[in-house]
Amino acid sequence: QVQLVESGGGLVQPGGSLRLSCVASGSIFSIRDMGWYRQAPGKQRELVATITSGGTTNYSDSVKGRFTISRDNAKNTVYLQMNSLKPEDTAVYYCKGRIASTSISTYIYWGQGTQVTVSS
């Protein structure tokens, strides 16, 4: 069993910053890709950023230049540094991981989500 637990969400003013963390725990053989997604009220869940096991990153156009995804493989943790936040960044942010529990079994796991609200 693998669990992903996010933290770091909260209320911030426009132009402010937040850093989200997602820790993977449980029966982990290796962690492949990890990523952050978000879902605003009444909207579909959308990709924010992803990072491969080798550190290659990908961002949605809406956050490029403002958000930075990184990972600490020793800590099984992925981060999302969010700067210059805008009201339209308000959403529940979810961590997603493609994780192998054995050398031959890889599954997709999701965290429970953390709320980010950008408002004055």
Protein backbone atom coordinates (compact mmCIF):
# COMPACT_ATOMS: atom_id res chain seq x y z
CA GLN A 1 0.00 0.00 0.00
CA VAL A 2 1.26 3.45 -0.96
CA GLN A 3 0.04 6.77 0.35
CA LEU A 4 0.62 10.31 -0.91
CA VAL A 5 0.10 13.11 1.59
CA GLU A 6 0.11 16.76 0.54
CA SER A 7 0.72 19.76 2.77
CA GLY A 8 1.43 23.46 2.50
CA GLY A 9 -1.84 24.82 1.17
CA GLY A 10 -3.59 27.83 2.62
CA LEU A 11 -4.82 31.36 2.06
CA VAL A 12 -2.46 33.84 0.42
CA GLN A 13 -2.82 37.30 -1.09
CA PRO A 14 -2.37 37.90 -4.82
CA GLY A 15 1.31 38.14 -5.63
CA GLY A 16 2.24 35.93 -2.70
CA SER A 17 3.95 32.55 -2.55
CA LEU A 18 3.27 29.08 -1.22
CA ARG A 19 5.24 25.85 -1.23
CA LEU A 20 3.38 22.58 -1.47
CA SER A 21 4.90 19.26 -0.43
CA CYS A 22 3.84 15.70 -1.19
CA VAL A 23 5.38 12.77 0.64
CA ALA A 24 5.04 9.21 -0.60
CA SER A 25 5.12 6.42 1.96
CA GLY A 26 4.43 2.72 2.19
CA SER A 27 5.59 -0.17 0.05
CA ILE A 28 7.78 1.68 -2.45
CA PHE A 29 10.26 0.01 -4.76
CA SER A 30 10.79 3.09 -6.94
CA ILE A 31 9.03 6.33 -7.83
CA ARG A 32 8.72 7.14 -11.51
CA ASP A 33 6.94 10.32 -12.62
CA MET A 34 5.33 12.64 -10.10
CA GLY A 35 3.15 15.62 -10.68
CA TRP A 36 0.78 18.25 -9.40
CA TYR A 37 -2.76 18.75 -10.66
CA ARG A 38 -5.47 21.15 -9.58
CA GLN A 39 -9.22 21.38 -9.67
CA ALA A 40 -11.16 24.59 -9.25
CA PRO A 41 -14.88 24.58 -8.39
CA GLY A 42 -16.96 23.66 -11.41
CA LYS A 43 -13.92 22.83 -13.52
CA GLN A 44 -12.12 19.68 -14.56
CA ARG A 45 -8.90 18.61 -12.92
CA GLU A 46 -5.95 19.96 -14.89
CA LEU A 47 -2.25 19.34 -15.03
CA VAL A 48 -0.04 21.91 -13.32
CA ALA A 49 3.44 20.40 -13.51
CA THR A 50 5.20 17.05 -13.76
CA ILE A 51 8.70 15.78 -13.08
CA THR A 52 10.32 12.54 -14.17
CA SER A 53 12.60 10.37 -12.08
CA GLY A 54 15.49 11.96 -13.95
CA GLY A 55 14.34 15.48 -13.17
CA THR A 56 12.81 16.50 -16.49
CA THR A 57 9.99 18.95 -15.86
CA ASN A 58 6.87 20.00 -17.71
CA TYR A 59 4.51 22.88 -16.93
CA SER A 60 1.14 24.08 -18.06
CA ASP A 61 1.28 27.38 -19.91
CA SER A 62 -0.77 29.06 -17.17
CA VAL A 63 1.92 28.51 -14.50
CA LYS A 64 5.11 28.51 -16.57
CA GLY A 65 7.59 31.00 -15.15
CA ARG A 66 5.75 31.27 -11.82
CA PHE A 67 5.72 27.71 -10.45
CA THR A 68 8.63 25.33 -9.97
CA ILE A 69 8.35 21.60 -9.40
CA SER A 70 11.18 19.69 -7.77
CA ARG A 71 11.73 16.40 -6.00
CA ASP A 72 13.92 14.91 -3.31
CA ASN A 73 14.28 11.24 -4.16
CA ALA A 74 15.91 10.42 -0.82
CA LYS A 75 12.83 11.72 0.96
CA ASN A 76 10.25 10.40 -1.56
CA THR A 77 8.97 13.96 -1.74
CA VAL A 78 7.87 16.27 -4.53
CA TYR A 79 7.50 20.02 -4.09
CA LEU A 80 5.66 22.79 -5.88
CA GLN A 81 6.97 26.28 -5.31
CA MET A 82 4.28 28.74 -6.34
CA ASN A 83 5.21 32.40 -6.79
CA SER A 84 3.30 35.42 -8.07
CA LEU A 85 0.05 33.72 -7.22
CA LYS A 86 -3.15 34.90 -8.88
CA PRO A 87 -6.80 34.51 -7.86
CA GLU A 88 -7.24 32.10 -10.77
CA ASP A 89 -4.72 29.75 -9.12
CA THR A 90 -7.33 29.05 -6.43
CA ALA A 91 -8.07 25.34 -6.45
CA VAL A 92 -7.55 22.07 -4.66
CA TYR A 93 -4.07 20.86 -5.56
CA TYR A 94 -3.49 17.12 -5.89
CA CYS A 95 -0.26 15.17 -5.97
CA LYS A 96 -0.03 12.24 -8.38
CA GLY A 97 2.67 9.61 -8.44
CA ARG A 98 3.50 6.69 -10.70
CA ILE A 99 5.00 4.32 -8.17
CA ALA A 100 6.33 0.80 -8.33
CA SER A 101 5.78 -1.40 -5.30
CA THR A 102 7.85 -4.22 -6.85
CA SER A 103 10.16 -4.45 -9.84
CA ILE A 104 7.23 -5.37 -12.09
CA SER A 105 4.17 -3.60 -10.65
CA THR A 106 3.60 0.12 -11.18
CA TYR A 107 0.43 1.96 -10.26
CA ILE A 108 -0.91 5.50 -10.22
CA TYR A 109 -1.61 7.02 -6.82
CA TRP A 110 -3.29 10.28 -5.84
CA GLY A 111 -3.10 12.32 -2.68
CA GLN A 112 -6.16 13.67 -0.88
CA GLY A 113 -5.59 17.25 -2.02
CA THR A 114 -4.71 20.52 -0.34
CA GLN A 115 -6.67 23.75 -0.75
CA VAL A 116 -4.95 26.84 -2.14
CA THR A 117 -6.92 30.08 -1.99
CA VAL A 118 -5.57 33.30 -3.48
CA SER A 119 -7.58 36.27 -2.33
CA SER A 120 -7.18 39.71 -0.86
